[in-house]
Amino acid sequence: MKIVLCCAGGFSTTMLMDNMKKTVHNSAKLNDEDFAFKAVPVDLLPAEVEDTDVLVVGPQIAHRIDYIHEMIDPYQIPHIIVDQDVYGKMDGATVMKQVLIARRKADLAKANKKS
């Protein structure tokens, strides 16, 4: 699963990404090789959307969600906007849980459309 984290400059999001990687690595249920992470500034997002499985949006760019939707909606990419408190704590475990839920909901929605 490719998870792209997107923020204003990509720097603070890299710290969150590292904590998400630690969560996966320390998990008994998740495997490192099943996940790829990338942190990018919002202006570089167009180059990443095509093969993204879940987009994580930093709270500092939540006001740009309409711009982001223009890019991700054609690919039906699920996304989450990280809560400011969660982001401030760099809580990778909570964000990973939200990512997995968003991906699962998207997969179930696709399956229901096929039925």
N, C-alpha and C. Protein backbone atom coordinates (compact mmCIF):
# COMPACT_ATOMS: atom_id res chain seq x y z
N MET A 1 0.86 -1.17 0.00
CA MET A 1 0.00 0.00 0.00
C MET A 1 0.90 1.23 0.00
N LYS A 2 0.69 2.10 -0.97
CA LYS A 2 1.45 3.35 -1.02
C LYS A 2 0.65 4.44 -0.31
N ILE A 3 1.27 4.99 0.72
CA ILE A 3 0.65 6.06 1.50
C ILE A 3 1.44 7.34 1.25
N VAL A 4 0.77 8.35 0.73
CA VAL A 4 1.42 9.63 0.48
C VAL A 4 0.94 10.61 1.53
N LEU A 5 1.89 11.25 2.18
CA LEU A 5 1.60 12.29 3.16
C LEU A 5 1.87 13.63 2.51
N CYS A 6 0.95 14.54 2.68
CA CYS A 6 1.03 15.82 1.97
C CYS A 6 0.87 16.97 2.96
N CYS A 7 1.79 17.92 2.89
CA CYS A 7 1.68 19.10 3.75
C CYS A 7 2.21 20.31 2.98
N ALA A 8 2.44 21.37 3.67
CA ALA A 8 2.88 22.60 3.02
C ALA A 8 4.27 22.46 2.41
N GLY A 9 5.21 21.91 3.18
CA GLY A 9 6.57 21.81 2.68
C GLY A 9 7.15 20.41 2.67
N GLY A 10 6.50 19.47 3.35
CA GLY A 10 6.98 18.10 3.39
C GLY A 10 7.90 17.79 4.56
N PHE A 11 8.30 18.80 5.34
CA PHE A 11 9.28 18.58 6.39
C PHE A 11 8.67 17.97 7.65
N SER A 12 7.66 18.62 8.22
CA SER A 12 7.05 18.07 9.44
C SER A 12 6.34 16.76 9.14
N THR A 13 5.82 16.64 7.94
CA THR A 13 5.14 15.41 7.56
C THR A 13 6.12 14.24 7.51
N THR A 14 7.37 14.51 7.22
CA THR A 14 8.38 13.45 7.22
C THR A 14 8.52 12.87 8.62
N MET A 15 8.43 13.70 9.64
CA MET A 15 8.50 13.19 11.01
C MET A 15 7.31 12.29 11.32
N LEU A 16 6.12 12.71 10.89
CA LEU A 16 4.93 11.89 11.09
C LEU A 16 5.08 10.57 10.33
N MET A 17 5.58 10.65 9.10
CA MET A 17 5.78 9.45 8.29
C MET A 17 6.72 8.47 9.00
N ASP A 18 7.79 8.98 9.59
CA ASP A 18 8.72 8.11 10.31
C ASP A 18 8.03 7.41 11.48
N ASN A 19 7.14 8.11 12.16
CA ASN A 19 6.40 7.50 13.27
C ASN A 19 5.39 6.47 12.77
N MET A 20 4.84 6.71 11.60
CA MET A 20 3.94 5.71 11.00
C MET A 20 4.73 4.46 10.62
N LYS A 21 5.92 4.64 10.08
CA LYS A 21 6.77 3.49 9.74
C LYS A 21 7.12 2.69 10.99
N LYS A 22 7.42 3.38 12.10
CA LYS A 22 7.72 2.70 13.36
C LYS A 22 6.52 1.89 13.83
N THR A 23 5.32 2.46 13.67
CA THR A 23 4.10 1.76 14.07
C THR A 23 3.96 0.46 13.29
N VAL A 24 4.18 0.52 11.99
CA VAL A 24 4.09 -0.68 11.16
C VAL A 24 5.17 -1.68 11.58
N HIS A 25 6.39 -1.19 11.74
CA HIS A 25 7.52 -2.06 12.07
C HIS A 25 7.31 -2.78 13.41
N ASN A 26 6.72 -2.08 14.38
CA ASN A 26 6.53 -2.65 15.72
C ASN A 26 5.23 -3.44 15.86
N SER A 27 4.43 -3.48 14.80
CA SER A 27 3.14 -4.17 14.85
C SER A 27 3.30 -5.68 14.65
N ALA A 28 2.50 -6.42 15.38
CA ALA A 28 2.47 -7.87 15.18
C ALA A 28 1.62 -8.26 13.98
N LYS A 29 0.75 -7.34 13.52
CA LYS A 29 -0.19 -7.65 12.44
C LYS A 29 0.20 -7.05 11.09
N LEU A 30 1.04 -6.02 11.09
CA LEU A 30 1.41 -5.33 9.85
C LEU A 30 2.84 -5.68 9.47
N ASN A 31 3.11 -5.71 8.16
CA ASN A 31 4.44 -6.03 7.67
C ASN A 31 5.05 -4.85 6.94
N ASP A 32 6.31 -4.56 7.24
CA ASP A 32 7.01 -3.43 6.60
C ASP A 32 6.91 -3.47 5.08
N GLU A 33 7.09 -4.66 4.51
CA GLU A 33 7.13 -4.78 3.04
C GLU A 33 5.78 -4.52 2.37
N ASP A 34 4.72 -4.46 3.14
CA ASP A 34 3.39 -4.19 2.57
C ASP A 34 3.10 -2.70 2.42
N PHE A 35 4.01 -1.85 2.92
CA PHE A 35 3.75 -0.41 2.92
C PHE A 35 4.91 0.37 2.31
N ALA A 36 4.55 1.38 1.55
CA ALA A 36 5.51 2.35 1.02
C ALA A 36 4.99 3.72 1.43
N PHE A 37 5.87 4.56 1.90
CA PHE A 37 5.49 5.89 2.36
C PHE A 37 6.25 6.94 1.57
N LYS A 38 5.58 8.07 1.36
CA LYS A 38 6.24 9.20 0.72
C LYS A 38 5.63 10.48 1.26
N ALA A 39 6.47 11.43 1.63
CA ALA A 39 6.01 12.74 2.10
C ALA A 39 6.36 13.78 1.03
N VAL A 40 5.35 14.56 0.64
CA VAL A 40 5.56 15.56 -0.41
C VAL A 40 4.84 16.86 -0.05
N PRO A 41 5.37 17.98 -0.55
CA PRO A 41 4.62 19.23 -0.45
C PRO A 41 3.40 19.15 -1.37
N VAL A 42 2.35 19.86 -1.03
CA VAL A 42 1.11 19.80 -1.80
C VAL A 42 1.33 20.15 -3.27
N ASP A 43 2.28 21.02 -3.56
CA ASP A 43 2.52 21.41 -4.95
C ASP A 43 3.11 20.28 -5.79
N LEU A 44 3.67 19.27 -5.15
CA LEU A 44 4.22 18.13 -5.89
C LEU A 44 3.26 16.93 -5.91
N LEU A 45 2.11 17.09 -5.32
CA LEU A 45 1.14 16.00 -5.25
C LEU A 45 0.73 15.46 -6.63
N PRO A 46 0.54 16.31 -7.65
CA PRO A 46 0.10 15.77 -8.94
C PRO A 46 1.00 14.65 -9.48
N ALA A 47 2.27 14.68 -9.18
CA ALA A 47 3.19 13.65 -9.66
C ALA A 47 3.05 12.33 -8.91
N GLU A 48 2.33 12.32 -7.80
CA GLU A 48 2.23 11.13 -6.96
C GLU A 48 0.88 10.43 -6.99
N VAL A 49 -0.16 11.10 -7.46
CA VAL A 49 -1.51 10.57 -7.25
C VAL A 49 -1.80 9.27 -8.00
N GLU A 50 -1.21 9.08 -9.13
CA GLU A 50 -1.61 7.95 -9.96
C GLU A 50 -1.50 6.59 -9.26
N ASP A 51 -0.46 6.39 -8.45
CA ASP A 51 -0.29 5.10 -7.79
C ASP A 51 -0.41 5.18 -6.27
N THR A 52 -1.13 6.16 -5.79
CA THR A 52 -1.35 6.34 -4.36
C THR A 52 -2.56 5.53 -3.91
N ASP A 53 -2.41 4.83 -2.79
CA ASP A 53 -3.53 4.06 -2.24
C ASP A 53 -4.32 4.84 -1.20
N VAL A 54 -3.63 5.68 -0.41
CA VAL A 54 -4.28 6.54 0.58
C VAL A 54 -3.46 7.82 0.69
N LEU A 55 -4.17 8.95 0.75
CA LEU A 55 -3.52 10.24 0.91
C LEU A 55 -3.76 10.74 2.33
N VAL A 56 -2.69 11.17 2.97
CA VAL A 56 -2.76 11.75 4.31
C VAL A 56 -2.48 13.24 4.16
N VAL A 57 -3.45 14.05 4.55
CA VAL A 57 -3.36 15.51 4.40
C VAL A 57 -3.07 16.13 5.75
N GLY A 58 -2.01 16.91 5.82
CA GLY A 58 -1.66 17.61 7.04
C GLY A 58 -2.66 18.71 7.34
N PRO A 59 -2.89 19.00 8.62
CA PRO A 59 -3.90 20.00 8.98
C PRO A 59 -3.58 21.40 8.46
N GLN A 60 -2.31 21.69 8.24
CA GLN A 60 -1.94 23.03 7.79
C GLN A 60 -2.34 23.31 6.34
N ILE A 61 -2.74 22.27 5.60
CA ILE A 61 -3.21 22.50 4.22
C ILE A 61 -4.66 22.04 4.03
N ALA A 62 -5.37 21.81 5.12
CA ALA A 62 -6.77 21.39 5.03
C ALA A 62 -7.60 22.39 4.23
N HIS A 63 -7.21 23.66 4.28
CA HIS A 63 -7.94 24.69 3.53
C HIS A 63 -7.78 24.51 2.01
N ARG A 64 -6.87 23.65 1.57
CA ARG A 64 -6.67 23.40 0.13
C ARG A 64 -7.33 22.10 -0.32
N ILE A 65 -8.28 21.60 0.46
CA ILE A 65 -8.88 20.30 0.17
C ILE A 65 -9.62 20.28 -1.18
N ASP A 66 -10.21 21.40 -1.58
CA ASP A 66 -10.88 21.42 -2.89
C ASP A 66 -9.86 21.21 -4.01
N TYR A 67 -8.71 21.86 -3.91
CA TYR A 67 -7.62 21.68 -4.88
C TYR A 67 -7.14 20.24 -4.88
N ILE A 68 -7.03 19.65 -3.71
CA ILE A 68 -6.58 18.27 -3.58
C ILE A 68 -7.61 17.31 -4.18
N HIS A 69 -8.88 17.57 -3.92
CA HIS A 69 -9.94 16.71 -4.48
C HIS A 69 -9.89 16.69 -6.01
N GLU A 70 -9.58 17.80 -6.63
CA GLU A 70 -9.48 17.84 -8.09
C GLU A 70 -8.47 16.81 -8.60
N MET A 71 -7.43 16.58 -7.82
CA MET A 71 -6.39 15.63 -8.23
C MET A 71 -6.71 14.19 -7.88
N ILE A 72 -7.28 13.96 -6.70
CA ILE A 72 -7.45 12.58 -6.23
C ILE A 72 -8.77 11.94 -6.63
N ASP A 73 -9.80 12.74 -6.81
CA ASP A 73 -11.12 12.17 -7.12
C ASP A 73 -11.15 11.33 -8.40
N PRO A 74 -10.49 11.76 -9.48
CA PRO A 74 -10.52 10.91 -10.68
C PRO A 74 -9.92 9.52 -10.45
N TYR A 75 -9.05 9.40 -9.48
CA TYR A 75 -8.41 8.11 -9.17
C TYR A 75 -9.10 7.38 -8.02
N GLN A 76 -10.12 8.00 -7.46
CA GLN A 76 -10.86 7.44 -6.32
C GLN A 76 -9.93 7.08 -5.16
N ILE A 77 -9.05 8.02 -4.83
CA ILE A 77 -8.09 7.80 -3.75
C ILE A 77 -8.72 8.25 -2.43
N PRO A 78 -8.81 7.34 -1.47
CA PRO A 78 -9.31 7.76 -0.16
C PRO A 78 -8.28 8.65 0.51
N HIS A 79 -8.77 9.53 1.38
CA HIS A 79 -7.86 10.44 2.07
C HIS A 79 -8.34 10.68 3.49
N ILE A 80 -7.42 11.12 4.31
CA ILE A 80 -7.75 11.58 5.65
C ILE A 80 -7.09 12.93 5.85
N ILE A 81 -7.71 13.74 6.66
CA ILE A 81 -7.09 14.99 7.10
C ILE A 81 -6.73 14.78 8.56
N VAL A 82 -5.46 14.91 8.86
CA VAL A 82 -4.99 14.65 10.21
C VAL A 82 -5.43 15.78 11.14
N ASP A 83 -6.00 15.39 12.25
CA ASP A 83 -6.40 16.33 13.29
C ASP A 83 -5.16 17.06 13.82
N GLN A 84 -5.32 18.35 14.13
CA GLN A 84 -4.20 19.16 14.61
C GLN A 84 -3.53 18.58 15.85
N ASP A 85 -4.32 18.09 16.79
CA ASP A 85 -3.74 17.53 18.02
C ASP A 85 -2.95 16.26 17.72
N VAL A 86 -3.49 15.41 16.87
CA VAL A 86 -2.80 14.18 16.48
C VAL A 86 -1.50 14.53 15.76
N TYR A 87 -1.58 15.52 14.88
CA TYR A 87 -0.40 15.96 14.13
C TYR A 87 0.64 16.55 15.07
N GLY A 88 0.20 17.36 16.00
CA GLY A 88 1.11 17.98 16.95
C GLY A 88 1.86 16.96 17.79
N LYS A 89 1.19 15.85 18.10
CA LYS A 89 1.82 14.78 18.87
C LYS A 89 2.64 13.84 17.98
N MET A 90 2.55 14.03 16.66
CA MET A 90 3.20 13.14 15.70
C MET A 90 2.81 11.69 15.98
N ASP A 91 1.51 11.49 16.19
CA ASP A 91 0.95 10.20 16.59
C ASP A 91 0.77 9.28 15.37
N GLY A 92 1.84 8.61 15.02
CA GLY A 92 1.83 7.73 13.86
C GLY A 92 0.86 6.58 13.98
N ALA A 93 0.65 6.07 15.18
CA ALA A 93 -0.26 4.94 15.38
C ALA A 93 -1.69 5.33 15.05
N THR A 94 -2.12 6.49 15.53
CA THR A 94 -3.49 6.95 15.24
C THR A 94 -3.67 7.20 13.75
N VAL A 95 -2.70 7.81 13.13
CA VAL A 95 -2.81 8.10 11.69
C VAL A 95 -2.82 6.79 10.90
N MET A 96 -2.00 5.82 11.27
CA MET A 96 -2.01 4.53 10.57
C MET A 96 -3.37 3.86 10.69
N LYS A 97 -3.97 3.93 11.87
CA LYS A 97 -5.30 3.36 12.06
C LYS A 97 -6.31 4.04 11.13
N GLN A 98 -6.24 5.36 11.04
CA GLN A 98 -7.15 6.10 10.17
C GLN A 98 -6.92 5.75 8.70
N VAL A 99 -5.66 5.58 8.32
CA VAL A 99 -5.32 5.21 6.94
C VAL A 99 -5.91 3.85 6.60
N LEU A 100 -5.73 2.89 7.48
CA LEU A 100 -6.24 1.54 7.22
C LEU A 100 -7.76 1.53 7.14
N ILE A 101 -8.41 2.30 7.98
CA ILE A 101 -9.87 2.40 7.93
C ILE A 101 -10.32 3.05 6.62
N ALA A 102 -9.67 4.12 6.22
CA ALA A 102 -10.04 4.80 4.96
C ALA A 102 -9.88 3.87 3.77
N ARG A 103 -8.79 3.10 3.73
CA ARG A 103 -8.56 2.17 2.62
C ARG A 103 -9.61 1.07 2.63
N ARG A 104 -9.92 0.56 3.82
CA ARG A 104 -10.92 -0.51 3.94
C ARG A 104 -12.30 -0.02 3.48
N LYS A 105 -12.68 1.18 3.88
CA LYS A 105 -13.96 1.74 3.46
C LYS A 105 -14.01 1.90 1.94
N ALA A 106 -12.92 2.36 1.36
CA ALA A 106 -12.87 2.54 -0.10
C ALA A 106 -12.99 1.19 -0.81
N ASP A 107 -12.31 0.18 -0.27
CA ASP A 107 -12.39 -1.16 -0.87
C ASP A 107 -13.80 -1.73 -0.77
N LEU A 108 -14.45 -1.53 0.38
CA LEU A 108 -15.82 -2.01 0.55
C LEU A 108 -16.79 -1.28 -0.39
N ALA A 109 -16.59 0.01 -0.57
CA ALA A 109 -17.45 0.79 -1.46
C ALA A 109 -17.31 0.29 -2.91
N LYS A 110 -16.09 -0.02 -3.32
CA LYS A 110 -15.87 -0.56 -4.67
C LYS A 110 -16.55 -1.91 -4.82
N ALA A 111 -16.42 -2.76 -3.81
CA ALA A 111 -17.01 -4.08 -3.86
C ALA A 111 -18.53 -3.99 -3.92
N ASN A 112 -19.11 -3.06 -3.20
CA ASN A 112 -20.57 -2.89 -3.20
C ASN A 112 -21.07 -2.36 -4.54
N LYS A 113 -20.27 -1.55 -5.22
CA LYS A 113 -20.67 -1.04 -6.53
C LYS A 113 -20.69 -2.15 -7.57
N LYS A 114 -19.79 -3.14 -7.41
CA LYS A 114 -19.71 -4.26 -8.34
C LYS A 114 -20.86 -5.23 -8.16
N SER A 115 -21.42 -5.30 -6.94
CA SER A 115 -22.50 -6.27 -6.67
C SER A 115 -23.82 -5.82 -7.22
